[in-house]
Amino acid sequence: MQPGDAIAYQVLRYRSMTGEQRLSIALDLHELACDLARSGIRARHPDADAAAVERLLRKRLELVRST
C-alpha cells in the first residue's frame, strides 16, 4: 500500500465514524502526547516530583498555544 492510499483509507474510516468516536480518538492521542511529554520532562528533571512535572507540562502546553 502506498502512503497516499493509506491516507485515503484512513480518511474513509474517519468519515464512517461518529463524531463521538472521532473525539475519543483525538482525546486518546492528546493523552498519549501528554504522557510522552511527561516522560521527556522526567528525563530532563529526574528530581522533579509529580506536581513539578505537571507544572512543567502545563508551561510547555501554554508555550505551544501562544505560538
Protein backbone atom coordinates (compact mmCIF):
# COMPACT_ATOMS: atom_id res chain seq x y z
CA MET A 1 0.00 0.00 0.00
CA GLN A 2 1.34 3.40 -0.98
CA PRO A 3 1.30 6.29 1.55
CA GLY A 4 -1.39 8.14 -0.42
CA ASP A 5 -3.57 5.03 -0.44
CA ALA A 6 -3.15 4.64 3.31
CA ILE A 7 -4.17 8.25 3.91
CA ALA A 8 -7.22 7.89 1.68
CA TYR A 9 -8.22 4.71 3.54
CA GLN A 10 -7.76 6.44 6.90
CA VAL A 11 -9.93 9.36 5.79
CA LEU A 12 -12.66 6.95 4.69
CA ARG A 13 -12.51 5.20 8.08
CA TYR A 14 -12.75 8.51 9.94
CA ARG A 15 -15.72 9.59 7.82
CA SER A 16 -17.54 6.38 8.71
CA MET A 17 -17.15 7.09 12.45
CA THR A 18 -19.47 9.09 14.61
CA GLY A 19 -18.34 12.41 15.99
CA GLU A 20 -18.10 10.79 19.42
CA GLN A 21 -15.73 8.12 18.08
CA ARG A 22 -13.50 10.71 16.39
CA LEU A 23 -13.46 12.82 19.54
CA SER A 24 -12.48 9.78 21.59
CA ILE A 25 -9.54 9.13 19.25
CA ALA A 26 -8.46 12.77 19.48
CA LEU A 27 -8.60 12.73 23.28
CA ASP A 28 -6.64 9.46 23.41
CA LEU A 29 -3.97 10.94 21.12
CA HIS A 30 -3.79 14.07 23.29
CA GLU A 31 -3.32 11.94 26.41
CA LEU A 32 -0.63 9.90 24.66
CA ALA A 33 1.20 13.09 23.66
CA CYS A 34 1.00 14.38 27.24
CA ASP A 35 2.34 11.08 28.59
CA LEU A 36 5.27 11.26 26.17
CA ALA A 37 5.93 14.86 27.17
CA ARG A 38 5.84 13.88 30.86
CA SER A 39 8.41 11.17 30.17
CA GLY A 40 10.66 13.72 28.50
CA ILE A 41 10.24 16.14 31.39
CA ARG A 42 11.11 13.41 33.90
CA ALA A 43 14.23 12.54 31.89
CA ARG A 44 15.36 16.19 31.95
CA HIS A 45 14.32 16.75 35.58
CA PRO A 46 14.87 13.44 37.41
CA ASP A 47 14.37 15.05 40.84
CA ALA A 48 11.01 16.61 39.95
CA ASP A 49 8.00 15.32 41.83
CA ALA A 50 4.64 14.67 40.14
CA ALA A 51 3.38 18.20 40.81
CA ALA A 52 6.51 19.74 39.29
CA VAL A 53 6.20 17.52 36.20
CA GLU A 54 2.58 18.63 35.74
CA ARG A 55 3.57 22.27 36.21
CA LEU A 56 6.29 21.94 33.56
CA LEU A 57 3.87 20.17 31.23
CA ARG A 58 1.29 22.97 31.59
CA LYS A 59 4.02 25.51 30.92
CA ARG A 60 5.02 23.62 27.78
CA LEU A 61 1.40 23.48 26.60
CA GLU A 62 0.96 27.21 27.21
CA LEU A 63 4.05 27.91 25.09
CA VAL A 64 2.56 25.89 22.25
CA ARG A 65 -0.75 27.76 22.45
CA SER A 66 0.98 31.14 22.32
CA THR A 67 2.78 30.42 19.03
